[in-house]
Amino acid sequence: MKIVILGGFLGSGKTSLLLQLAKYLVGKEWDYPSEVKVAILENEIGQIGIDDKILLNAGFKVDNLFAGCACCSLSGELVSSITNIQKTLNPKWLIIEATGVAYPGSIGKTILESLGLDAYIITIVDAKRWRRLQNAMETLMSEQLKDSSIVLMNKVDLVDDIELTQVKESIFPYINNIKIIPISAKEEIPSVFWSNLINEMEQSYGR
């Protein structure tokens, strides 16, 4: 099971990107024994979750968003939830959507130290609000960027080229030598983008 953590402040576009990534992974042909290709773990799932017999006893809610994908709400301790998902679903990919005030790097360290599993951390930055959030909550913003595997600058359609460059330059001091990719999640992201990103993920897991 490969783990991807999506981090970023409230309203940065995590859920939109999560669904696009999950759909791409589900649609891709994988040589994997489990019928579940992707599981999604969220801190809060609201009212869209439904009880599922597979995870009911484990305290999860599951929503079959599309074939080969299960969406689960976080129930209790993170490590326990991940362990239950691995035992009951054994997905090829587990995508964890962190809350808007969580530190993705801390989540990754907890998973590594407790389960011995590496996580690929994708941090999403809101290009439109980044500089304002940076001024108001620099510690939170910097900690969310810490330990990122890659940074996606979302909502680039709402800023001009000058501001986009300024945002990118202001991110670099927090995470040296990391790839920062501009995107717009309100549109369908080309499959070649996801293909290249998945290849990078696979390489990070030593494959």
N, C-alpha and C. Protein backbone atom coordinates (compact mmCIF):
# COMPACT_ATOMS: atom_id res chain seq x y z
N MET A 1 0.85 -1.20 0.00
CA MET A 1 0.00 0.00 0.00
C MET A 1 0.88 1.24 0.00
N LYS A 2 0.65 2.10 -0.97
CA LYS A 2 1.39 3.35 -1.06
C LYS A 2 0.53 4.49 -0.52
N ILE A 3 1.16 5.37 0.25
CA ILE A 3 0.42 6.43 0.93
C ILE A 3 0.77 7.80 0.36
N VAL A 4 -0.26 8.58 0.06
CA VAL A 4 -0.11 9.95 -0.40
C VAL A 4 -0.84 10.85 0.58
N ILE A 5 -0.17 11.88 1.06
CA ILE A 5 -0.79 12.85 1.96
C ILE A 5 -1.00 14.15 1.22
N LEU A 6 -2.25 14.64 1.23
CA LEU A 6 -2.55 15.93 0.64
C LEU A 6 -2.70 16.95 1.76
N GLY A 7 -1.87 17.98 1.72
CA GLY A 7 -1.92 19.02 2.74
C GLY A 7 -2.14 20.38 2.12
N GLY A 8 -2.44 21.36 2.96
CA GLY A 8 -2.68 22.71 2.48
C GLY A 8 -3.74 23.39 3.32
N PHE A 9 -3.73 24.70 3.31
CA PHE A 9 -4.64 25.46 4.16
C PHE A 9 -6.08 25.33 3.66
N LEU A 10 -7.02 25.70 4.52
CA LEU A 10 -8.44 25.66 4.19
C LEU A 10 -8.73 26.41 2.90
N GLY A 11 -9.46 25.77 2.00
CA GLY A 11 -9.84 26.42 0.76
C GLY A 11 -8.78 26.43 -0.33
N SER A 12 -7.70 25.68 -0.12
CA SER A 12 -6.63 25.68 -1.12
C SER A 12 -6.95 24.81 -2.32
N GLY A 13 -7.96 23.93 -2.18
CA GLY A 13 -8.35 23.09 -3.31
C GLY A 13 -7.95 21.63 -3.16
N LYS A 14 -7.72 21.19 -1.94
CA LYS A 14 -7.28 19.80 -1.71
C LYS A 14 -8.29 18.78 -2.23
N THR A 15 -9.56 18.99 -1.90
CA THR A 15 -10.56 18.00 -2.28
C THR A 15 -10.72 17.89 -3.79
N SER A 16 -10.69 19.01 -4.48
CA SER A 16 -10.80 18.98 -5.94
C SER A 16 -9.65 18.20 -6.56
N LEU A 17 -8.45 18.42 -6.04
CA LEU A 17 -7.29 17.70 -6.55
C LEU A 17 -7.34 16.23 -6.16
N LEU A 18 -7.79 15.97 -4.95
CA LEU A 18 -7.90 14.59 -4.48
C LEU A 18 -8.79 13.77 -5.40
N LEU A 19 -9.95 14.29 -5.75
CA LEU A 19 -10.88 13.55 -6.59
C LEU A 19 -10.31 13.31 -7.99
N GLN A 20 -9.61 14.30 -8.52
CA GLN A 20 -9.00 14.11 -9.84
C GLN A 20 -7.90 13.06 -9.79
N LEU A 21 -7.09 13.12 -8.74
CA LEU A 21 -6.01 12.13 -8.59
C LEU A 21 -6.60 10.73 -8.42
N ALA A 22 -7.62 10.61 -7.57
CA ALA A 22 -8.22 9.30 -7.30
C ALA A 22 -8.83 8.71 -8.57
N LYS A 23 -9.52 9.55 -9.34
CA LYS A 23 -10.13 9.06 -10.58
C LYS A 23 -9.07 8.57 -11.57
N TYR A 24 -7.96 9.28 -11.61
CA TYR A 24 -6.88 8.85 -12.50
C TYR A 24 -6.32 7.50 -12.05
N LEU A 25 -6.08 7.37 -10.76
CA LEU A 25 -5.52 6.12 -10.23
C LEU A 25 -6.48 4.95 -10.43
N VAL A 26 -7.77 5.21 -10.24
CA VAL A 26 -8.76 4.15 -10.42
C VAL A 26 -8.84 3.72 -11.88
N GLY A 27 -8.71 4.68 -12.79
CA GLY A 27 -8.81 4.36 -14.21
C GLY A 27 -7.57 3.72 -14.79
N LYS A 28 -6.47 3.77 -14.07
CA LYS A 28 -5.22 3.21 -14.56
C LYS A 28 -5.18 1.71 -14.29
N GLU A 29 -4.59 0.96 -15.21
CA GLU A 29 -4.48 -0.49 -15.03
C GLU A 29 -3.31 -0.79 -14.09
N TRP A 30 -3.62 -1.50 -13.02
CA TRP A 30 -2.59 -1.86 -12.06
C TRP A 30 -2.56 -3.38 -11.89
N ASP A 31 -1.38 -3.92 -11.79
CA ASP A 31 -1.23 -5.34 -11.48
C ASP A 31 -1.19 -5.47 -9.97
N TYR A 32 -2.38 -5.63 -9.38
CA TYR A 32 -2.48 -5.60 -7.92
C TYR A 32 -3.62 -6.53 -7.50
N PRO A 33 -3.42 -7.32 -6.44
CA PRO A 33 -4.41 -8.33 -6.06
C PRO A 33 -5.73 -7.79 -5.54
N SER A 34 -5.73 -6.64 -4.91
CA SER A 34 -6.96 -6.12 -4.30
C SER A 34 -7.87 -5.48 -5.35
N GLU A 35 -9.19 -5.63 -5.15
CA GLU A 35 -10.15 -5.00 -6.03
C GLU A 35 -10.21 -3.49 -5.78
N VAL A 36 -9.83 -3.07 -4.60
CA VAL A 36 -9.84 -1.65 -4.26
C VAL A 36 -8.50 -1.03 -4.66
N LYS A 37 -8.54 -0.18 -5.64
CA LYS A 37 -7.31 0.47 -6.10
C LYS A 37 -6.94 1.65 -5.21
N VAL A 38 -7.96 2.39 -4.76
CA VAL A 38 -7.71 3.62 -4.02
C VAL A 38 -8.63 3.70 -2.80
N ALA A 39 -8.05 4.05 -1.67
CA ALA A 39 -8.84 4.37 -0.48
C ALA A 39 -8.50 5.81 -0.11
N ILE A 40 -9.51 6.54 0.32
CA ILE A 40 -9.33 7.95 0.69
C ILE A 40 -9.68 8.10 2.16
N LEU A 41 -8.76 8.65 2.92
CA LEU A 41 -8.96 8.84 4.35
C LEU A 41 -9.03 10.32 4.65
N GLU A 42 -10.14 10.75 5.24
CA GLU A 42 -10.34 12.16 5.56
C GLU A 42 -10.62 12.33 7.04
N ASN A 43 -10.29 13.50 7.54
CA ASN A 43 -10.59 13.80 8.93
C ASN A 43 -12.08 13.97 9.14
N GLU A 44 -12.72 14.59 8.17
CA GLU A 44 -14.16 14.80 8.24
C GLU A 44 -14.75 14.52 6.87
N ILE A 45 -15.83 13.79 6.86
CA ILE A 45 -16.45 13.47 5.58
C ILE A 45 -17.87 14.01 5.48
N GLY A 46 -18.31 14.68 6.54
CA GLY A 46 -19.63 15.28 6.52
C GLY A 46 -20.74 14.24 6.45
N GLN A 47 -21.74 14.51 5.63
CA GLN A 47 -22.89 13.63 5.54
C GLN A 47 -22.86 12.72 4.32
N ILE A 48 -21.77 12.73 3.55
CA ILE A 48 -21.79 11.94 2.33
C ILE A 48 -21.38 10.50 2.57
N GLY A 49 -20.86 10.19 3.76
CA GLY A 49 -20.45 8.82 4.02
C GLY A 49 -21.63 7.91 4.30
N ILE A 50 -21.52 6.66 3.93
CA ILE A 50 -22.53 5.67 4.24
C ILE A 50 -21.87 4.48 4.89
N ASP A 51 -22.60 3.77 5.76
CA ASP A 51 -22.04 2.60 6.42
C ASP A 51 -21.77 1.51 5.39
N ASP A 52 -20.66 0.84 5.55
CA ASP A 52 -20.30 -0.26 4.67
C ASP A 52 -19.95 -1.46 5.53
N LYS A 53 -20.42 -2.64 5.14
CA LYS A 53 -20.23 -3.82 5.97
C LYS A 53 -18.75 -4.13 6.21
N ILE A 54 -17.91 -3.85 5.21
CA ILE A 54 -16.49 -4.19 5.34
C ILE A 54 -15.83 -3.45 6.48
N LEU A 55 -16.16 -2.16 6.63
CA LEU A 55 -15.49 -1.32 7.63
C LEU A 55 -16.37 -0.92 8.79
N LEU A 56 -17.60 -1.38 8.82
CA LEU A 56 -18.52 -0.96 9.86
C LEU A 56 -17.98 -1.30 11.25
N ASN A 57 -17.47 -2.49 11.40
CA ASN A 57 -16.96 -2.91 12.71
C ASN A 57 -15.69 -2.16 13.10
N ALA A 58 -15.02 -1.61 12.10
CA ALA A 58 -13.79 -0.86 12.38
C ALA A 58 -14.08 0.60 12.68
N GLY A 59 -15.35 1.01 12.57
CA GLY A 59 -15.72 2.37 12.91
C GLY A 59 -15.58 3.35 11.78
N PHE A 60 -15.49 2.85 10.53
CA PHE A 60 -15.36 3.75 9.39
C PHE A 60 -16.70 3.96 8.70
N LYS A 61 -16.76 5.04 7.96
CA LYS A 61 -17.85 5.25 7.02
C LYS A 61 -17.23 5.17 5.63
N VAL A 62 -17.95 4.57 4.72
CA VAL A 62 -17.40 4.38 3.38
C VAL A 62 -18.38 4.88 2.34
N ASP A 63 -17.86 5.58 1.36
CA ASP A 63 -18.66 6.04 0.25
C ASP A 63 -17.99 5.56 -1.03
N ASN A 64 -18.66 4.72 -1.79
CA ASN A 64 -18.10 4.24 -3.05
C ASN A 64 -18.29 5.32 -4.10
N LEU A 65 -17.31 6.18 -4.21
CA LEU A 65 -17.40 7.33 -5.11
C LEU A 65 -17.42 6.89 -6.57
N PHE A 66 -16.60 5.93 -6.89
CA PHE A 66 -16.59 5.35 -8.22
C PHE A 66 -15.92 3.99 -8.09
N ALA A 67 -16.10 3.14 -9.08
CA ALA A 67 -15.62 1.76 -8.98
C ALA A 67 -14.14 1.70 -8.63
N GLY A 68 -13.83 0.90 -7.64
CA GLY A 68 -12.43 0.73 -7.24
C GLY A 68 -11.94 1.76 -6.27
N CYS A 69 -12.86 2.56 -5.68
CA CYS A 69 -12.43 3.60 -4.75
C CYS A 69 -13.35 3.61 -3.55
N ALA A 70 -12.76 3.68 -2.37
CA ALA A 70 -13.53 3.78 -1.13
C ALA A 70 -13.10 5.02 -0.39
N CYS A 71 -14.04 5.72 0.21
CA CYS A 71 -13.74 6.93 0.96
C CYS A 71 -14.10 6.72 2.41
N CYS A 72 -13.16 6.94 3.31
CA CYS A 72 -13.37 6.62 4.72
C CYS A 72 -13.15 7.84 5.59
N SER A 73 -13.95 7.97 6.64
CA SER A 73 -13.73 9.04 7.60
C SER A 73 -12.75 8.57 8.66
N LEU A 74 -11.96 9.48 9.16
CA LEU A 74 -10.99 9.13 10.20
C LEU A 74 -11.72 8.81 11.48
N SER A 75 -11.50 7.63 12.00
CA SER A 75 -12.18 7.20 13.21
C SER A 75 -11.15 6.88 14.27
N GLY A 76 -10.99 7.78 15.23
CA GLY A 76 -10.02 7.53 16.29
C GLY A 76 -8.61 7.84 15.84
N GLU A 77 -7.68 7.06 16.31
CA GLU A 77 -6.26 7.29 16.05
C GLU A 77 -5.91 7.04 14.59
N LEU A 78 -5.05 7.90 14.07
CA LEU A 78 -4.64 7.81 12.67
C LEU A 78 -4.03 6.45 12.35
N VAL A 79 -3.09 6.02 13.14
CA VAL A 79 -2.37 4.77 12.87
C VAL A 79 -3.33 3.58 12.88
N SER A 80 -4.25 3.57 13.83
CA SER A 80 -5.23 2.49 13.91
C SER A 80 -6.12 2.48 12.67
N SER A 81 -6.51 3.67 12.21
CA SER A 81 -7.36 3.78 11.04
C SER A 81 -6.65 3.25 9.79
N ILE A 82 -5.38 3.62 9.64
CA ILE A 82 -4.61 3.16 8.48
C ILE A 82 -4.44 1.65 8.52
N THR A 83 -4.16 1.13 9.70
CA THR A 83 -3.98 -0.32 9.86
C THR A 83 -5.25 -1.07 9.48
N ASN A 84 -6.40 -0.55 9.92
CA ASN A 84 -7.68 -1.19 9.60
C ASN A 84 -7.97 -1.16 8.10
N ILE A 85 -7.65 -0.03 7.46
CA ILE A 85 -7.86 0.08 6.02
C ILE A 85 -6.98 -0.91 5.28
N GLN A 86 -5.74 -1.04 5.72
CA GLN A 86 -4.82 -1.96 5.06
C GLN A 86 -5.29 -3.41 5.21
N LYS A 87 -5.81 -3.75 6.38
CA LYS A 87 -6.25 -5.12 6.62
C LYS A 87 -7.56 -5.45 5.91
N THR A 88 -8.49 -4.50 5.89
CA THR A 88 -9.82 -4.79 5.35
C THR A 88 -9.94 -4.52 3.85
N LEU A 89 -9.23 -3.51 3.36
CA LEU A 89 -9.33 -3.15 1.95
C LEU A 89 -8.07 -3.47 1.15
N ASN A 90 -6.92 -3.33 1.80
CA ASN A 90 -5.63 -3.52 1.15
C ASN A 90 -5.55 -2.80 -0.19
N PRO A 91 -5.79 -1.48 -0.21
CA PRO A 91 -5.75 -0.74 -1.47
C PRO A 91 -4.33 -0.58 -1.98
N LYS A 92 -4.20 -0.37 -3.27
CA LYS A 92 -2.86 -0.09 -3.81
C LYS A 92 -2.41 1.29 -3.35
N TRP A 93 -3.35 2.23 -3.30
CA TRP A 93 -3.05 3.60 -2.90
C TRP A 93 -3.97 4.03 -1.77
N LEU A 94 -3.41 4.69 -0.78
CA LEU A 94 -4.19 5.33 0.27
C LEU A 94 -3.88 6.83 0.21
N ILE A 95 -4.92 7.62 -0.05
CA ILE A 95 -4.76 9.07 -0.09
C ILE A 95 -5.34 9.65 1.19
N ILE A 96 -4.52 10.37 1.94
CA ILE A 96 -4.97 10.99 3.18
C ILE A 96 -5.09 12.49 2.96
N GLU A 97 -6.30 13.00 3.15
CA GLU A 97 -6.51 14.45 3.03
C GLU A 97 -6.46 15.05 4.44
N ALA A 98 -5.40 15.79 4.70
CA ALA A 98 -5.23 16.40 6.02
C ALA A 98 -6.17 17.59 6.17
N THR A 99 -6.50 17.94 7.39
CA THR A 99 -7.31 19.12 7.63
C THR A 99 -6.51 20.37 7.24
N GLY A 100 -7.20 21.47 7.09
CA GLY A 100 -6.56 22.70 6.64
C GLY A 100 -5.58 23.32 7.62
N VAL A 101 -5.57 22.83 8.86
CA VAL A 101 -4.64 23.37 9.86
C VAL A 101 -3.64 22.32 10.33
N ALA A 102 -3.60 21.18 9.65
CA ALA A 102 -2.68 20.11 10.04
C ALA A 102 -1.31 20.31 9.40
N TYR A 103 -0.31 19.65 9.98
CA TYR A 103 1.04 19.64 9.41
C TYR A 103 1.25 18.30 8.72
N PRO A 104 1.23 18.26 7.39
CA PRO A 104 1.37 17.00 6.66
C PRO A 104 2.66 16.26 7.00
N GLY A 105 3.74 17.01 7.23
CA GLY A 105 5.00 16.37 7.56
C GLY A 105 4.93 15.59 8.87
N SER A 106 4.20 16.12 9.83
CA SER A 106 4.04 15.43 11.11
C SER A 106 3.23 14.15 10.94
N ILE A 107 2.23 14.21 10.07
CA ILE A 107 1.43 13.02 9.78
C ILE A 107 2.32 11.95 9.15
N GLY A 108 3.14 12.37 8.20
CA GLY A 108 4.04 11.44 7.54
C GLY A 108 5.02 10.79 8.50
N LYS A 109 5.55 11.57 9.42
CA LYS A 109 6.50 11.03 10.40
C LYS A 109 5.83 10.03 11.33
N THR A 110 4.59 10.32 11.73
CA THR A 110 3.85 9.41 12.59
C THR A 110 3.64 8.07 11.89
N ILE A 111 3.28 8.12 10.61
CA ILE A 111 3.05 6.90 9.84
C ILE A 111 4.35 6.10 9.70
N LEU A 112 5.44 6.80 9.42
CA LEU A 112 6.73 6.12 9.25
C LEU A 112 7.20 5.48 10.55
N GLU A 113 7.12 6.23 11.63
CA GLU A 113 7.61 5.74 12.91
C GLU A 113 6.74 4.61 13.47
N SER A 114 5.44 4.67 13.21
CA SER A 114 4.52 3.68 13.79
C SER A 114 4.30 2.46 12.90
N LEU A 115 4.31 2.67 11.58
CA LEU A 115 3.98 1.58 10.67
C LEU A 115 5.13 1.22 9.72
N GLY A 116 6.16 2.05 9.70
CA GLY A 116 7.28 1.77 8.81
C GLY A 116 6.94 2.02 7.34
N LEU A 117 5.92 2.85 7.10
CA LEU A 117 5.48 3.14 5.74
C LEU A 117 5.84 4.58 5.36
N ASP A 118 6.42 4.74 4.18
CA ASP A 118 6.73 6.07 3.68
C ASP A 118 5.48 6.71 3.09
N ALA A 119 5.43 8.02 3.12
CA ALA A 119 4.31 8.75 2.53
C ALA A 119 4.85 9.83 1.60
N TYR A 120 4.20 9.98 0.47
CA TYR A 120 4.54 11.05 -0.48
C TYR A 120 3.63 12.23 -0.15
N ILE A 121 4.23 13.37 0.16
CA ILE A 121 3.46 14.52 0.63
C ILE A 121 3.30 15.57 -0.46
N ILE A 122 2.04 15.81 -0.83
CA ILE A 122 1.71 16.86 -1.80
C ILE A 122 1.08 18.01 -1.04
N THR A 123 1.73 19.16 -1.06
CA THR A 123 1.18 20.33 -0.38
C THR A 123 0.62 21.30 -1.42
N ILE A 124 -0.62 21.72 -1.20
CA ILE A 124 -1.29 22.61 -2.15
C ILE A 124 -1.29 24.03 -1.59
N VAL A 125 -0.84 24.95 -2.40
CA VAL A 125 -0.78 26.36 -2.04
C VAL A 125 -1.80 27.13 -2.86
N ASP A 126 -2.55 27.98 -2.20
CA ASP A 126 -3.52 28.85 -2.87
C ASP A 126 -2.78 30.07 -3.37
N ALA A 127 -2.52 30.12 -4.68
CA ALA A 127 -1.74 31.22 -5.24
C ALA A 127 -2.39 32.57 -5.01
N LYS A 128 -3.71 32.61 -5.00
CA LYS A 128 -4.43 33.87 -4.84
C LYS A 128 -4.28 34.43 -3.43
N ARG A 129 -4.32 33.55 -2.42
CA ARG A 129 -4.30 34.01 -1.03
C ARG A 129 -2.96 33.81 -0.33
N TRP A 130 -2.00 33.21 -0.99
CA TRP A 130 -0.77 32.81 -0.33
C TRP A 130 -0.07 33.95 0.41
N ARG A 131 0.14 35.06 -0.23
CA ARG A 131 0.92 36.14 0.39
C ARG A 131 0.19 36.72 1.59
N ARG A 132 -1.15 36.79 1.50
CA ARG A 132 -1.91 37.29 2.64
C ARG A 132 -1.85 36.30 3.81
N LEU A 133 -1.97 35.02 3.51
CA LEU A 133 -1.89 34.00 4.56
C LEU A 133 -0.48 33.92 5.14
N GLN A 134 0.50 34.10 4.30
CA GLN A 134 1.89 34.07 4.76
C GLN A 134 2.15 35.19 5.76
N ASN A 135 1.62 36.35 5.50
CA ASN A 135 1.81 37.49 6.41
C ASN A 135 1.08 37.29 7.74
N ALA A 136 -0.09 36.67 7.66
CA ALA A 136 -0.92 36.51 8.87
C ALA A 136 -0.56 35.27 9.68
N MET A 137 -0.13 34.20 9.01
CA MET A 137 0.12 32.92 9.69
C MET A 137 1.36 32.24 9.14
N GLU A 138 2.48 32.93 9.24
CA GLU A 138 3.70 32.42 8.62
C GLU A 138 4.13 31.08 9.22
N THR A 139 4.00 30.91 10.52
CA THR A 139 4.43 29.65 11.14
C THR A 139 3.61 28.49 10.62
N LEU A 140 2.30 28.65 10.57
CA LEU A 140 1.43 27.59 10.05
C LEU A 140 1.75 27.28 8.60
N MET A 141 1.91 28.30 7.79
CA MET A 141 2.19 28.10 6.37
C MET A 141 3.52 27.38 6.16
N SER A 142 4.54 27.81 6.90
CA SER A 142 5.86 27.20 6.74
C SER A 142 5.88 25.75 7.22
N GLU A 143 5.15 25.46 8.30
CA GLU A 143 5.10 24.09 8.81
C GLU A 143 4.33 23.17 7.88
N GLN A 144 3.33 23.73 7.18
CA GLN A 144 2.60 22.91 6.22
C GLN A 144 3.46 22.57 5.01
N LEU A 145 4.38 23.44 4.68
CA LEU A 145 5.27 23.19 3.56
C LEU A 145 6.42 22.25 3.92
N LYS A 146 6.77 22.22 5.18
CA LYS A 146 7.89 21.43 5.64
C LYS A 146 7.71 19.95 5.30
N ASP A 147 8.77 19.34 4.82
CA ASP A 147 8.80 17.90 4.48
C ASP A 147 7.96 17.55 3.26
N SER A 148 7.51 18.54 2.50
CA SER A 148 6.73 18.25 1.29
C SER A 148 7.59 17.54 0.25
N SER A 149 6.96 16.64 -0.49
CA SER A 149 7.64 15.99 -1.61
C SER A 149 7.53 16.84 -2.86
N ILE A 150 6.41 17.56 -2.97
CA ILE A 150 6.17 18.44 -4.10
C ILE A 150 5.13 19.48 -3.67
N VAL A 151 5.15 20.65 -4.31
CA VAL A 151 4.18 21.69 -4.01
C VAL A 151 3.41 22.02 -5.28
N LEU A 152 2.08 22.04 -5.17
CA LEU A 152 1.24 22.42 -6.29
C LEU A 152 0.63 23.79 -5.99
N MET A 153 0.92 24.75 -6.83
CA MET A 153 0.34 26.09 -6.69
C MET A 153 -0.99 26.12 -7.42
N ASN A 154 -2.06 26.09 -6.66
CA ASN A 154 -3.39 26.03 -7.25
C ASN A 154 -3.97 27.45 -7.47
N LYS A 155 -5.01 27.52 -8.29
CA LYS A 155 -5.73 28.76 -8.59
C LYS A 155 -4.86 29.78 -9.31
N VAL A 156 -3.98 29.30 -10.17
CA VAL A 156 -3.11 30.22 -10.91
C VAL A 156 -3.89 31.03 -11.92
N ASP A 157 -5.13 30.59 -12.21
CA ASP A 157 -5.97 31.34 -13.14
C ASP A 157 -6.47 32.65 -12.54
N LEU A 158 -6.27 32.80 -11.20
CA LEU A 158 -6.75 34.00 -10.51
C LEU A 158 -5.65 35.03 -10.27
N VAL A 159 -4.43 34.74 -10.72
CA VAL A 159 -3.32 35.69 -10.53
C VAL A 159 -2.60 35.92 -11.86
N ASP A 160 -1.91 37.05 -11.95
CA ASP A 160 -1.15 37.32 -13.17
C ASP A 160 0.25 36.73 -13.04
N ASP A 161 1.02 36.81 -14.10
CA ASP A 161 2.34 36.19 -14.14
C ASP A 161 3.29 36.78 -13.09
N ILE A 162 3.18 38.09 -12.86
CA ILE A 162 4.06 38.74 -11.89
C ILE A 162 3.79 38.21 -10.49
N GLU A 163 2.51 38.15 -10.12
CA GLU A 163 2.17 37.65 -8.79
C GLU A 163 2.52 36.18 -8.65
N LEU A 164 2.34 35.42 -9.70
CA LEU A 164 2.67 34.00 -9.66
C LEU A 164 4.16 33.80 -9.38
N THR A 165 4.98 34.61 -10.03
CA THR A 165 6.43 34.54 -9.79
C THR A 165 6.77 34.93 -8.36
N GLN A 166 6.11 35.96 -7.85
CA GLN A 166 6.35 36.40 -6.47
C GLN A 166 5.96 35.33 -5.45
N VAL A 167 4.84 34.67 -5.70
CA VAL A 167 4.40 33.60 -4.81
C VAL A 167 5.43 32.46 -4.82
N LYS A 168 5.84 32.07 -5.99
CA LYS A 168 6.81 30.98 -6.12
C LYS A 168 8.11 31.31 -5.41
N GLU A 169 8.59 32.53 -5.60
CA GLU A 169 9.85 32.94 -4.96
C GLU A 169 9.72 33.00 -3.45
N SER A 170 8.53 33.32 -2.95
CA SER A 170 8.34 33.41 -1.49
C SER A 170 8.21 32.03 -0.84
N ILE A 171 7.94 31.01 -1.64
CA ILE A 171 7.82 29.65 -1.12
C ILE A 171 9.19 29.00 -0.98
N PHE A 172 10.09 29.28 -1.89
CA PHE A 172 11.39 28.62 -1.93
C PHE A 172 12.17 28.66 -0.61
N PRO A 173 12.17 29.78 0.12
CA PRO A 173 12.94 29.80 1.37
C PRO A 173 12.50 28.75 2.39
N TYR A 174 11.26 28.31 2.30
CA TYR A 174 10.75 27.33 3.26
C TYR A 174 11.11 25.89 2.86
N ILE A 175 11.27 25.66 1.58
CA ILE A 175 11.53 24.31 1.09
C ILE A 175 12.52 24.39 -0.08
N ASN A 176 13.77 24.26 0.22
CA ASN A 176 14.80 24.37 -0.80
C ASN A 176 14.79 23.17 -1.75
N ASN A 177 15.11 23.44 -3.00
CA ASN A 177 15.28 22.38 -4.01
C ASN A 177 14.07 21.47 -4.14
N ILE A 178 12.89 22.04 -4.14
CA ILE A 178 11.68 21.25 -4.32
C ILE A 178 10.94 21.75 -5.55
N LYS A 179 10.25 20.83 -6.21
CA LYS A 179 9.52 21.19 -7.42
C LYS A 179 8.21 21.89 -7.05
N ILE A 180 7.95 23.03 -7.67
CA ILE A 180 6.71 23.78 -7.48
C ILE A 180 6.01 23.87 -8.83
N ILE A 181 4.81 23.32 -8.91
CA ILE A 181 4.10 23.24 -10.18
C ILE A 181 2.81 24.06 -10.13
N PRO A 182 2.62 24.99 -11.06
CA PRO A 182 1.38 25.78 -11.11
C PRO A 182 0.26 24.97 -11.75
N ILE A 183 -0.94 25.01 -11.16
CA ILE A 183 -2.08 24.28 -11.69
C ILE A 183 -3.37 25.08 -11.45
N SER A 184 -4.45 24.62 -12.06
CA SER A 184 -5.77 25.17 -11.79
C SER A 184 -6.72 23.99 -11.66
N ALA A 185 -7.09 23.66 -10.43
CA ALA A 185 -7.89 22.47 -10.16
C ALA A 185 -9.35 22.64 -10.57
N LYS A 186 -9.77 23.86 -10.90
CA LYS A 186 -11.17 24.06 -11.30
C LYS A 186 -11.40 23.48 -12.69
N GLU A 187 -10.31 23.23 -13.42
CA GLU A 187 -10.40 22.61 -14.73
C GLU A 187 -9.87 21.17 -14.64
N GLU A 188 -10.20 20.37 -15.61
CA GLU A 188 -9.69 19.00 -15.63
C GLU A 188 -8.20 19.02 -15.94
N ILE A 189 -7.42 18.47 -15.03
CA ILE A 189 -5.97 18.45 -15.20
C ILE A 189 -5.60 17.33 -16.16
N PRO A 190 -4.75 17.60 -17.18
CA PRO A 190 -4.41 16.60 -18.19
C PRO A 190 -3.84 15.32 -17.58
N SER A 191 -4.15 14.21 -18.18
CA SER A 191 -3.70 12.92 -17.66
C SER A 191 -2.17 12.80 -17.67
N VAL A 192 -1.52 13.52 -18.59
CA VAL A 192 -0.06 13.46 -18.64
C VAL A 192 0.55 14.04 -17.36
N PHE A 193 -0.13 15.02 -16.78
CA PHE A 193 0.34 15.60 -15.52
C PHE A 193 0.31 14.54 -14.42
N TRP A 194 -0.83 13.83 -14.32
CA TRP A 194 -0.95 12.80 -13.28
C TRP A 194 0.01 11.65 -13.55
N SER A 195 0.19 11.32 -14.82
CA SER A 195 1.11 10.23 -15.17
C SER A 195 2.53 10.55 -14.70
N ASN A 196 2.97 11.78 -14.97
CA ASN A 196 4.31 12.19 -14.55
C ASN A 196 4.43 12.22 -13.02
N LEU A 197 3.36 12.68 -12.35
CA LEU A 197 3.39 12.76 -10.89
C LEU A 197 3.42 11.35 -10.28
N ILE A 198 2.64 10.43 -10.84
CA ILE A 198 2.63 9.06 -10.34
C ILE A 198 4.00 8.42 -10.52
N ASN A 199 4.64 8.70 -11.64
CA ASN A 199 5.99 8.17 -11.87
C ASN A 199 6.95 8.67 -10.79
N GLU A 200 6.83 9.94 -10.43
CA GLU A 200 7.68 10.49 -9.38
C GLU A 200 7.38 9.83 -8.04
N MET A 201 6.10 9.60 -7.78
CA MET A 201 5.72 8.91 -6.54
C MET A 201 6.32 7.52 -6.49
N GLU A 202 6.19 6.79 -7.58
CA GLU A 202 6.71 5.43 -7.64
C GLU A 202 8.22 5.42 -7.39
N GLN A 203 8.91 6.37 -7.98
CA GLN A 203 10.36 6.45 -7.78
C GLN A 203 10.71 6.76 -6.32
N SER A 204 9.88 7.58 -5.68
CA SER A 204 10.14 7.94 -4.28
C SER A 204 9.97 6.74 -3.36
N TYR A 205 9.17 5.75 -3.81
CA TYR A 205 8.97 4.54 -3.01
C TYR A 205 10.00 3.48 -3.36
N GLY A 206 10.96 3.85 -4.21
CA GLY A 206 12.03 2.92 -4.53
C GLY A 206 11.69 1.95 -5.64
N ARG A 207 10.69 2.33 -6.46
CA ARG A 207 10.31 1.45 -7.55
C ARG A 207 10.60 2.08 -8.89
